[in-house]
Amino acid sequence: MLLALLGGCANSPPGGVEVVDRSQGQGRATVAQRQPVRTGQYVVQRGDTLYSIAFRFGWDWKALAAHNGLRDPYLIRVGQIIRFDSRAPTASQQVAVAPRPTQPAAAATARPAVSRPPAAGTTSSTPVTVTKPPSGSATVNTPVQPVARSASGWAWPANGTVISRFSSNGSLNKGIDIAGELGQPVLAASDGSVVYAGSGLRGYGELIIIKHSDTYVSAYGHNRRLLVREGQQVKAGQSIAEMGSTGADRVKLHFEIRRQGKPVDPLQYLPRR
């Protein structure tokens, strides 16, 4: 499936992450990485998951887990350091704790994109983050609409006109924007597991990230209300949110597909209209 809303202008936080305000300029920009961040580190905040951190910094989640010595079930904790550079992870970075209860994700407080490690003795071990849905996760009890699927198995996540297209330029759109009505259904584009549900990624508003396989995740931003929680299983065409304008200048859905952590053009995967 990545984080308070941005200010009125673009900025470049430490670690080489270019962050562009999606609430301005017709919604064409997004949190953008020209390439995965390879310097510095990140301190896990409440509400983060491995998938949201990988999404934010342009990494494939499996590669980020391996880079930091994280193993199945890929648990992380508040205060834990996630490294992007070549330094080997310390033993304290590899500590895994019990998963948090499966409750709807709360909005995260604004945090710098890259943080310094906490002072000695201040690292929290509060068990609040699980980054892989447990086996046997509950399915979602929301309507499933019959949807047309492409040969690769993808379906449109919402009805409406595409008002902004994918751009491979690192400073522009990493997905597509679909116009719609406030509250209309946002649908899962393929079967998968919800790995992030919250508002912690800057510029995305209320966001859902779904893991479809070890290769693909999809993201659904600017929702008014989220109908799923982390760890739940969804089917293609299932309602996962209500369309809104959180973190945006108008009602729309921002939709991304990422292959091994890299944004790809959703229109190359979705059925032709």
C-alpha atoms as a PDB file:
ATOM      1  CA  MET A   1       0.000   0.000   0.000  1.00  0.00           C
ATOM      2  CA  LEU A   2       3.278   5.550   3.645  1.00  0.00           C
ATOM      3  CA  LEU A   3       2.847   9.842   7.191  1.00  0.00           C
ATOM      4  CA  ALA A   4      -0.094  15.443   8.936  1.00  0.00           C
ATOM      5  CA  LEU A   5      -0.811  17.073   5.748  1.00  0.00           C
ATOM      6  CA  LEU A   6       1.830  19.123   3.979  1.00  0.00           C
ATOM      7  CA  GLY A   7       2.235  22.845   4.105  1.00  0.00           C
ATOM      8  CA  GLY A   8       1.694  25.035   1.094  1.00  0.00           C
ATOM      9  CA  CYS A   9       5.029  24.433  -0.595  1.00  0.00           C
ATOM     10  CA  ALA A  10       7.334  21.599  -1.548  1.00  0.00           C
ATOM     11  CA  ASN A  11      10.170  20.640   0.736  1.00  0.00           C
ATOM     12  CA  SER A  12      12.983  18.104   0.815  1.00  0.00           C
ATOM     13  CA  PRO A  13      13.490  16.505   4.225  1.00  0.00           C
ATOM     14  CA  PRO A  14      16.711  14.745   5.154  1.00  0.00           C
ATOM     15  CA  GLY A  15      17.438  11.445   3.469  1.00  0.00           C
ATOM     16  CA  GLY A  16      16.816  12.649  -0.086  1.00  0.00           C
ATOM     17  CA  VAL A  17      13.027  12.267  -0.088  1.00  0.00           C
ATOM     18  CA  GLU A  18      11.332  14.835  -2.278  1.00  0.00           C
ATOM     19  CA  VAL A  19       7.948  15.676  -0.782  1.00  0.00           C
ATOM     20  CA  VAL A  20       5.465  17.643  -2.864  1.00  0.00           C
ATOM     21  CA  ASP A  21       2.179  19.052  -1.610  1.00  0.00           C
ATOM     22  CA  ARG A  22      -0.682  17.138  -3.237  1.00  0.00           C
ATOM     23  CA  SER A  23      -3.234  19.607  -1.871  1.00  0.00           C
ATOM     24  CA  GLN A  24      -2.110  22.227  -4.397  1.00  0.00           C
ATOM     25  CA  GLY A  25      -1.740  22.347  -8.154  1.00  0.00           C
ATOM     26  CA  GLN A  26      -4.776  20.288  -9.231  1.00  0.00           C
ATOM     27  CA  GLY A  27      -3.604  17.325  -7.186  1.00  0.00           C
ATOM     28  CA  ARG A  28      -0.942  16.285  -9.712  1.00  0.00           C
ATOM     29  CA  ALA A  29       1.858  15.851  -7.202  1.00  0.00           C
ATOM     30  CA  THR A  30       2.311  13.300  -4.459  1.00  0.00           C
ATOM     31  CA  VAL A  31       4.865  12.050  -1.986  1.00  0.00           C
ATOM     32  CA  ALA A  32       7.563  11.195  -4.490  1.00  0.00           C
ATOM     33  CA  GLN A  33      10.868   9.423  -4.455  1.00  0.00           C
ATOM     34  CA  ARG A  34      13.019   9.462  -7.571  1.00  0.00           C
ATOM     35  CA  GLN A  35      14.581   6.272  -6.200  1.00  0.00           C
ATOM     36  CA  PRO A  36      14.558   4.387  -2.884  1.00  0.00           C
ATOM     37  CA  VAL A  37      16.172   6.354  -0.086  1.00  0.00           C
ATOM     38  CA  ARG A  38      19.638   4.897   0.524  1.00  0.00           C
ATOM     39  CA  THR A  39      20.900   7.161   3.296  1.00  0.00           C
ATOM     40  CA  GLY A  40      19.927   7.865   6.897  1.00  0.00           C
ATOM     41  CA  GLN A  41      17.387   6.120   9.067  1.00  0.00           C
ATOM     42  CA  TYR A  42      13.810   6.374  10.322  1.00  0.00           C
ATOM     43  CA  VAL A  43      12.460   6.010  13.857  1.00  0.00           C
ATOM     44  CA  VAL A  44       9.187   4.066  13.958  1.00  0.00           C
ATOM     45  CA  GLN A  45       6.220   6.165  15.098  1.00  0.00           C
ATOM     46  CA  ARG A  46       2.879   5.066  16.453  1.00  0.00           C
ATOM     47  CA  GLY A  47       0.681   3.849  13.596  1.00  0.00           C
ATOM     48  CA  ASP A  48       3.547   2.927  11.256  1.00  0.00           C
ATOM     49  CA  THR A  49       3.785  -0.455   9.584  1.00  0.00           C
ATOM     50  CA  LEU A  50       6.637  -1.922   7.595  1.00  0.00           C
ATOM     51  CA  TYR A  51       4.499  -1.468   4.490  1.00  0.00           C
ATOM     52  CA  SER A  52       3.771   2.226   5.144  1.00  0.00           C
ATOM     53  CA  ILE A  53       7.452   2.949   5.805  1.00  0.00           C
ATOM     54  CA  ALA A  54       8.484   1.103   2.639  1.00  0.00           C
ATOM     55  CA  PHE A  55       5.766   2.944   0.685  1.00  0.00           C
ATOM     56  CA  ARG A  56       6.900   6.333   1.982  1.00  0.00           C
ATOM     57  CA  PHE A  57      10.573   5.855   1.175  1.00  0.00           C
ATOM     58  CA  GLY A  58      10.229   4.015  -2.124  1.00  0.00           C
ATOM     59  CA  TRP A  59      11.352   0.561  -0.962  1.00  0.00           C
ATOM     60  CA  ASP A  60      10.008  -2.877  -1.670  1.00  0.00           C
ATOM     61  CA  TRP A  61       8.776  -4.131   1.697  1.00  0.00           C
ATOM     62  CA  LYS A  62      10.632  -7.437   1.405  1.00  0.00           C
ATOM     63  CA  ALA A  63      13.899  -5.666   0.591  1.00  0.00           C
ATOM     64  CA  LEU A  64      13.462  -3.236   3.504  1.00  0.00           C
ATOM     65  CA  ALA A  65      12.747  -6.113   5.883  1.00  0.00           C
ATOM     66  CA  ALA A  66      15.846  -7.998   4.733  1.00  0.00           C
ATOM     67  CA  HIS A  67      17.978  -4.842   4.882  1.00  0.00           C
ATOM     68  CA  ASN A  68      17.051  -4.427   8.555  1.00  0.00           C
ATOM     69  CA  GLY A  69      17.240  -8.069   9.580  1.00  0.00           C
ATOM     70  CA  LEU A  70      13.469  -8.346  10.076  1.00  0.00           C
ATOM     71  CA  ARG A  71      11.989 -11.808   9.733  1.00  0.00           C
ATOM     72  CA  ASP A  72       8.528 -13.291   9.510  1.00  0.00           C
ATOM     73  CA  PRO A  73       6.148 -12.099  10.989  1.00  0.00           C
ATOM     74  CA  TYR A  74       7.897  -8.717  10.380  1.00  0.00           C
ATOM     75  CA  LEU A  75       6.933  -6.992  13.621  1.00  0.00           C
ATOM     76  CA  ILE A  76       8.188  -3.499  14.433  1.00  0.00           C
ATOM     77  CA  ARG A  77       7.795  -1.298  17.507  1.00  0.00           C
ATOM     78  CA  VAL A  78       7.621   2.384  18.365  1.00  0.00           C
ATOM     79  CA  GLY A  79      11.122   3.816  18.684  1.00  0.00           C
ATOM     80  CA  GLN A  80      12.733   1.097  16.579  1.00  0.00           C
ATOM     81  CA  ILE A  81      15.274   2.312  14.007  1.00  0.00           C
ATOM     82  CA  ILE A  82      14.747   1.389  10.357  1.00  0.00           C
ATOM     83  CA  ARG A  83      17.945   1.925   8.366  1.00  0.00           C
ATOM     84  CA  PHE A  84      18.236   2.868   4.701  1.00  0.00           C
ATOM     85  CA  ASP A  85      22.039   2.988   4.528  1.00  0.00           C
ATOM     86  CA  SER A  86      24.470   0.098   4.328  1.00  0.00           C
ATOM     87  CA  ARG A  87      25.179  -0.148   8.049  1.00  0.00           C
ATOM     88  CA  ALA A  88      24.210  -3.472   9.545  1.00  0.00           C
ATOM     89  CA  PRO A  89      21.177  -3.451  11.880  1.00  0.00           C
ATOM     90  CA  THR A  90      21.909  -3.792  15.578  1.00  0.00           C
ATOM     91  CA  ALA A  91      20.332  -6.410  17.801  1.00  0.00           C
ATOM     92  CA  SER A  92      17.916  -3.813  19.223  1.00  0.00           C
ATOM     93  CA  GLN A  93      16.651  -3.043  15.726  1.00  0.00           C
ATOM     94  CA  GLN A  94      15.650  -6.660  15.187  1.00  0.00           C
ATOM     95  CA  VAL A  95      13.505  -6.998  18.316  1.00  0.00           C
ATOM     96  CA  ALA A  96       9.943  -8.046  17.510  1.00  0.00           C
ATOM     97  CA  VAL A  97       7.029  -7.574  19.875  1.00  0.00           C
ATOM     98  CA  ALA A  98       3.451  -8.773  20.089  1.00  0.00           C
ATOM     99  CA  PRO A  99       1.011  -7.342  17.531  1.00  0.00           C
ATOM    100  CA  ARG A 100      -1.376  -4.566  18.441  1.00  0.00           C
ATOM    101  CA  PRO A 101      -5.104  -5.303  18.692  1.00  0.00           C
ATOM    102  CA  THR A 102      -6.899  -5.140  15.345  1.00  0.00           C
ATOM    103  CA  GLN A 103      -8.618  -1.801  15.767  1.00  0.00           C
ATOM    104  CA  PRO A 104      -9.219   0.839  13.077  1.00  0.00           C
ATOM    105  CA  ALA A 105      -6.045   2.828  12.597  1.00  0.00           C
ATOM    106  CA  ALA A 106      -6.087   6.246  14.232  1.00  0.00           C
ATOM    107  CA  ALA A 107      -4.779   9.356  12.503  1.00  0.00           C
ATOM    108  CA  ALA A 108      -1.068   9.718  13.041  1.00  0.00           C
ATOM    109  CA  THR A 109       0.571  12.874  14.313  1.00  0.00           C
ATOM    110  CA  ALA A 110       2.791  14.795  11.906  1.00  0.00           C
ATOM    111  CA  ARG A 111       6.386  13.591  12.050  1.00  0.00           C
ATOM    112  CA  PRO A 112       9.546  14.483  10.166  1.00  0.00           C
ATOM    113  CA  ALA A 113      10.200  12.156   7.247  1.00  0.00           C
ATOM    114  CA  VAL A 114      13.530  11.118   8.757  1.00  0.00           C
ATOM    115  CA  SER A 115      14.145  11.274  12.492  1.00  0.00           C
ATOM    116  CA  ARG A 116      17.122  11.037  14.789  1.00  0.00           C
ATOM    117  CA  PRO A 117      17.378   8.045  17.117  1.00  0.00           C
ATOM    118  CA  PRO A 118      15.822   8.592  20.550  1.00  0.00           C
ATOM    119  CA  ALA A 119      18.103   9.376  23.450  1.00  0.00           C
ATOM    120  CA  ALA A 120      19.590   6.447  25.322  1.00  0.00           C
ATOM    121  CA  GLY A 121      17.084   4.732  27.565  1.00  0.00           C
ATOM    122  CA  THR A 122      14.044   6.363  25.911  1.00  0.00           C
ATOM    123  CA  THR A 123      13.177   3.775  23.275  1.00  0.00           C
ATOM    124  CA  SER A 124       9.668   2.471  23.778  1.00  0.00           C
ATOM    125  CA  SER A 125       8.789  -1.190  23.607  1.00  0.00           C
ATOM    126  CA  THR A 126       5.029  -0.587  23.519  1.00  0.00           C
ATOM    127  CA  PRO A 127       3.497  -3.336  21.359  1.00  0.00           C
ATOM    128  CA  VAL A 128       1.581  -1.181  18.887  1.00  0.00           C
ATOM    129  CA  THR A 129       2.639  -2.233  15.407  1.00  0.00           C
ATOM    130  CA  VAL A 130       2.302  -5.422  13.405  1.00  0.00           C
ATOM    131  CA  THR A 131       3.402  -5.296   9.796  1.00  0.00           C
ATOM    132  CA  LYS A 132       2.082  -8.588   8.475  1.00  0.00           C
ATOM    133  CA  PRO A 133      -1.570  -9.620   8.802  1.00  0.00           C
ATOM    134  CA  PRO A 134      -1.925 -12.666  11.045  1.00  0.00           C
ATOM    135  CA  SER A 135      -3.155 -15.863   9.442  1.00  0.00           C
ATOM    136  CA  GLY A 136      -6.892 -16.314   9.576  1.00  0.00           C
ATOM    137  CA  SER A 137      -7.596 -12.552   9.617  1.00  0.00           C
ATOM    138  CA  ALA A 138     -11.288 -11.688   9.550  1.00  0.00           C
ATOM    139  CA  THR A 139     -12.815 -10.892   6.205  1.00  0.00           C
ATOM    140  CA  VAL A 140     -14.568  -7.587   5.604  1.00  0.00           C
ATOM    141  CA  ASN A 141     -18.358  -7.503   5.902  1.00  0.00           C
ATOM    142  CA  THR A 142     -18.924  -4.801   3.272  1.00  0.00           C
ATOM    143  CA  PRO A 143     -20.648  -5.155  -0.115  1.00  0.00           C
ATOM    144  CA  VAL A 144     -18.782  -6.771  -2.997  1.00  0.00           C
ATOM    145  CA  GLN A 145     -19.751  -5.401  -6.390  1.00  0.00           C
ATOM    146  CA  PRO A 146     -19.404  -7.441  -9.585  1.00  0.00           C
ATOM    147  CA  VAL A 147     -16.495  -5.856 -11.443  1.00  0.00           C
ATOM    148  CA  ALA A 148     -14.767  -6.364 -14.755  1.00  0.00           C
ATOM    149  CA  ARG A 149     -11.185  -7.507 -14.299  1.00  0.00           C
ATOM    150  CA  SER A 150      -8.240  -7.231 -16.634  1.00  0.00           C
ATOM    151  CA  ALA A 151      -6.237 -10.226 -17.806  1.00  0.00           C
ATOM    152  CA  SER A 152      -3.829  -9.564 -14.917  1.00  0.00           C
ATOM    153  CA  GLY A 153      -6.697  -9.563 -12.395  1.00  0.00           C
ATOM    154  CA  TRP A 154      -7.147  -5.860 -11.663  1.00  0.00           C
ATOM    155  CA  ALA A 155     -10.458  -3.951 -11.473  1.00  0.00           C
ATOM    156  CA  TRP A 156     -11.241  -0.243 -11.358  1.00  0.00           C
ATOM    157  CA  PRO A 157     -11.263   1.049  -7.752  1.00  0.00           C
ATOM    158  CA  ALA A 158     -14.021   3.617  -8.377  1.00  0.00           C
ATOM    159  CA  ASN A 159     -16.406   4.920 -11.004  1.00  0.00           C
ATOM    160  CA  GLY A 160     -15.521   8.314 -12.383  1.00  0.00           C
ATOM    161  CA  THR A 161     -13.386  10.286 -14.788  1.00  0.00           C
ATOM    162  CA  VAL A 162      -9.607  10.065 -14.610  1.00  0.00           C
ATOM    163  CA  ILE A 163      -8.549  13.663 -13.962  1.00  0.00           C
ATOM    164  CA  SER A 164      -4.831  13.104 -13.406  1.00  0.00           C
ATOM    165  CA  ARG A 165      -2.607  10.465 -14.971  1.00  0.00           C
ATOM    166  CA  PHE A 166       0.530   8.674 -13.911  1.00  0.00           C
ATOM    167  CA  SER A 167       3.858  10.374 -14.534  1.00  0.00           C
ATOM    168  CA  SER A 168       7.265   8.727 -14.349  1.00  0.00           C
ATOM    169  CA  ASN A 169       8.792  12.095 -13.420  1.00  0.00           C
ATOM    170  CA  GLY A 170       9.798  11.814  -9.771  1.00  0.00           C
ATOM    171  CA  SER A 171       8.106  15.107  -8.839  1.00  0.00           C
ATOM    172  CA  LEU A 172       4.694  14.292 -10.330  1.00  0.00           C
ATOM    173  CA  ASN A 173       1.845  11.821  -9.938  1.00  0.00           C
ATOM    174  CA  LYS A 174       2.727   8.260  -8.936  1.00  0.00           C
ATOM    175  CA  GLY A 175      -0.753   7.007  -9.742  1.00  0.00           C
ATOM    176  CA  ILE A 176      -4.041   8.272 -11.127  1.00  0.00           C
ATOM    177  CA  ASP A 177      -6.731  10.526  -9.677  1.00  0.00           C
ATOM    178  CA  ILE A 178     -10.387   9.612 -10.246  1.00  0.00           C
ATOM    179  CA  ALA A 179     -13.104  12.240  -9.745  1.00  0.00           C
ATOM    180  CA  GLY A 180     -16.304  11.249  -7.985  1.00  0.00           C
ATOM    181  CA  GLU A 181     -19.003  12.120  -5.487  1.00  0.00           C
ATOM    182  CA  LEU A 182     -18.509  12.543  -1.764  1.00  0.00           C
ATOM    183  CA  GLY A 183     -19.158   9.235  -0.044  1.00  0.00           C
ATOM    184  CA  GLN A 184     -19.257   7.033  -3.147  1.00  0.00           C
ATOM    185  CA  PRO A 185     -17.743   3.554  -2.746  1.00  0.00           C
ATOM    186  CA  VAL A 186     -14.020   2.992  -3.111  1.00  0.00           C
ATOM    187  CA  LEU A 187     -13.376  -0.618  -4.102  1.00  0.00           C
ATOM    188  CA  ALA A 188     -10.465  -2.991  -3.699  1.00  0.00           C
ATOM    189  CA  ALA A 189      -8.811  -3.318  -7.118  1.00  0.00           C
ATOM    190  CA  SER A 190      -7.799  -6.935  -6.504  1.00  0.00           C
ATOM    191  CA  ASP A 191      -7.896  -9.572  -3.774  1.00  0.00           C
ATOM    192  CA  GLY A 192      -5.508  -8.983  -0.912  1.00  0.00           C
ATOM    193  CA  SER A 193      -4.777  -8.068   2.703  1.00  0.00           C
ATOM    194  CA  VAL A 194      -5.084  -4.602   4.242  1.00  0.00           C
ATOM    195  CA  VAL A 195      -1.622  -3.690   5.519  1.00  0.00           C
ATOM    196  CA  TYR A 196      -2.210  -0.001   6.311  1.00  0.00           C
ATOM    197  CA  ALA A 197      -5.305   2.037   7.157  1.00  0.00           C
ATOM    198  CA  GLY A 198      -4.830   5.558   8.503  1.00  0.00           C
ATOM    199  CA  SER A 199      -3.760   9.118   7.813  1.00  0.00           C
ATOM    200  CA  GLY A 200      -0.078   8.966   8.646  1.00  0.00           C
ATOM    201  CA  LEU A 201       1.326   9.476   5.115  1.00  0.00           C
ATOM    202  CA  ARG A 202       1.607  13.135   4.225  1.00  0.00           C
ATOM    203  CA  GLY A 203      -0.343  14.204   1.164  1.00  0.00           C
ATOM    204  CA  TYR A 204      -2.572  11.119   1.012  1.00  0.00           C
ATOM    205  CA  GLY A 205      -5.232  11.967   3.598  1.00  0.00           C
ATOM    206  CA  GLU A 206      -7.109   8.929   4.854  1.00  0.00           C
ATOM    207  CA  LEU A 207      -5.222   6.121   3.130  1.00  0.00           C
ATOM    208  CA  ILE A 208      -5.536   2.364   2.632  1.00  0.00           C
ATOM    209  CA  ILE A 209      -2.720   0.121   1.377  1.00  0.00           C
ATOM    210  CA  ILE A 210      -3.521  -3.416   0.246  1.00  0.00           C
ATOM    211  CA  LYS A 211      -0.907  -6.140  -0.258  1.00  0.00           C
ATOM    212  CA  HIS A 212      -1.904  -8.407  -3.133  1.00  0.00           C
ATOM    213  CA  SER A 213       1.215 -10.567  -3.344  1.00  0.00           C
ATOM    214  CA  ASP A 214       4.908 -10.449  -2.562  1.00  0.00           C
ATOM    215  CA  THR A 215       5.214  -8.264  -5.674  1.00  0.00           C
ATOM    216  CA  TYR A 216       2.246  -5.884  -5.733  1.00  0.00           C
ATOM    217  CA  VAL A 217       0.567  -3.430  -3.365  1.00  0.00           C
ATOM    218  CA  SER A 218      -2.099  -0.836  -4.150  1.00  0.00           C
ATOM    219  CA  ALA A 219      -2.937   2.438  -2.402  1.00  0.00           C
ATOM    220  CA  TYR A 220      -6.195   4.404  -2.090  1.00  0.00           C
ATOM    221  CA  GLY A 221      -5.945   7.994  -0.841  1.00  0.00           C
ATOM    222  CA  HIS A 222      -8.108  11.013   0.161  1.00  0.00           C
ATOM    223  CA  ASN A 223     -10.971   8.906   1.533  1.00  0.00           C
ATOM    224  CA  ARG A 224     -13.683  10.398   3.727  1.00  0.00           C
ATOM    225  CA  ARG A 225     -14.099   7.244   5.810  1.00  0.00           C
ATOM    226  CA  LEU A 226     -12.242   3.955   5.990  1.00  0.00           C
ATOM    227  CA  LEU A 227     -14.322   0.765   6.158  1.00  0.00           C
ATOM    228  CA  VAL A 228     -11.509  -1.728   6.742  1.00  0.00           C
ATOM    229  CA  ARG A 229      -8.718  -2.219   9.233  1.00  0.00           C
ATOM    230  CA  GLU A 230      -5.245  -3.657   9.062  1.00  0.00           C
ATOM    231  CA  GLY A 231      -5.136  -7.444   8.863  1.00  0.00           C
ATOM    232  CA  GLN A 232      -8.444  -7.891   7.067  1.00  0.00           C
ATOM    233  CA  GLN A 233      -8.820  -9.772   3.789  1.00  0.00           C
ATOM    234  CA  VAL A 234     -10.644  -8.135   0.878  1.00  0.00           C
ATOM    235  CA  LYS A 235     -11.897  -9.221  -2.531  1.00  0.00           C
ATOM    236  CA  ALA A 236     -11.802  -7.340  -5.821  1.00  0.00           C
ATOM    237  CA  GLY A 237     -14.862  -5.063  -5.977  1.00  0.00           C
ATOM    238  CA  GLN A 238     -15.322  -4.966  -2.201  1.00  0.00           C
ATOM    239  CA  SER A 239     -16.085  -1.602  -0.590  1.00  0.00           C
ATOM    240  CA  ILE A 240     -13.099  -0.507   1.489  1.00  0.00           C
ATOM    241  CA  ALA A 241     -13.752   3.238   1.941  1.00  0.00           C
ATOM    242  CA  GLU A 242     -15.916   6.208   1.078  1.00  0.00           C
ATOM    243  CA  MET A 243     -14.507   8.705  -1.392  1.00  0.00           C
ATOM    244  CA  GLY A 244     -13.585  12.078   0.073  1.00  0.00           C
ATOM    245  CA  SER A 245     -11.208  15.021  -0.053  1.00  0.00           C
ATOM    246  CA  THR A 246      -8.933  14.526   2.963  1.00  0.00           C
ATOM    247  CA  GLY A 247      -5.524  15.922   2.059  1.00  0.00           C
ATOM    248  CA  ALA A 248      -6.819  17.098  -1.331  1.00  0.00           C
ATOM    249  CA  ASP A 249      -8.331  20.111  -3.053  1.00  0.00           C
ATOM    250  CA  ARG A 250     -11.461  18.280  -4.241  1.00  0.00           C
ATOM    251  CA  VAL A 251     -13.354  15.015  -3.875  1.00  0.00           C
ATOM    252  CA  LYS A 252     -11.369  12.300  -5.651  1.00  0.00           C
ATOM    253  CA  LEU A 253      -9.619   8.982  -5.239  1.00  0.00           C
ATOM    254  CA  HIS A 254      -5.859   8.842  -5.619  1.00  0.00           C
ATOM    255  CA  PHE A 255      -4.966   5.303  -6.708  1.00  0.00           C
ATOM    256  CA  GLU A 256      -1.524   3.740  -7.016  1.00  0.00           C
ATOM    257  CA  ILE A 257      -0.120   0.331  -7.930  1.00  0.00           C
ATOM    258  CA  ARG A 258       3.429  -0.432  -6.835  1.00  0.00           C
ATOM    259  CA  ARG A 259       5.462  -3.333  -8.179  1.00  0.00           C
ATOM    260  CA  GLN A 260       8.315  -4.337  -5.859  1.00  0.00           C
ATOM    261  CA  GLY A 261       8.060  -0.896  -4.270  1.00  0.00           C
ATOM    262  CA  LYS A 262       8.166   1.077  -7.528  1.00  0.00           C
ATOM    263  CA  PRO A 263       5.104   2.997  -8.786  1.00  0.00           C
ATOM    264  CA  VAL A 264       3.744   1.767 -12.108  1.00  0.00           C
ATOM    265  CA  ASP A 265       1.047   3.202 -14.378  1.00  0.00           C
ATOM    266  CA  PRO A 266      -2.295   1.821 -13.136  1.00  0.00           C
ATOM    267  CA  LEU A 267      -3.833   2.297 -16.590  1.00  0.00           C
ATOM    268  CA  GLN A 268      -1.510  -0.430 -17.877  1.00  0.00           C
ATOM    269  CA  TYR A 269      -3.087  -2.862 -15.382  1.00  0.00           C
ATOM    270  CA  LEU A 270      -6.752  -1.835 -15.239  1.00  0.00           C
ATOM    271  CA  PRO A 271      -9.380  -2.948 -17.774  1.00  0.00           C
ATOM    272  CA  ARG A 272      -9.897  -0.626 -20.717  1.00  0.00           C
ATOM    273  CA  ARG A 273     -13.032   1.451 -20.508  1.00  0.00           C
END
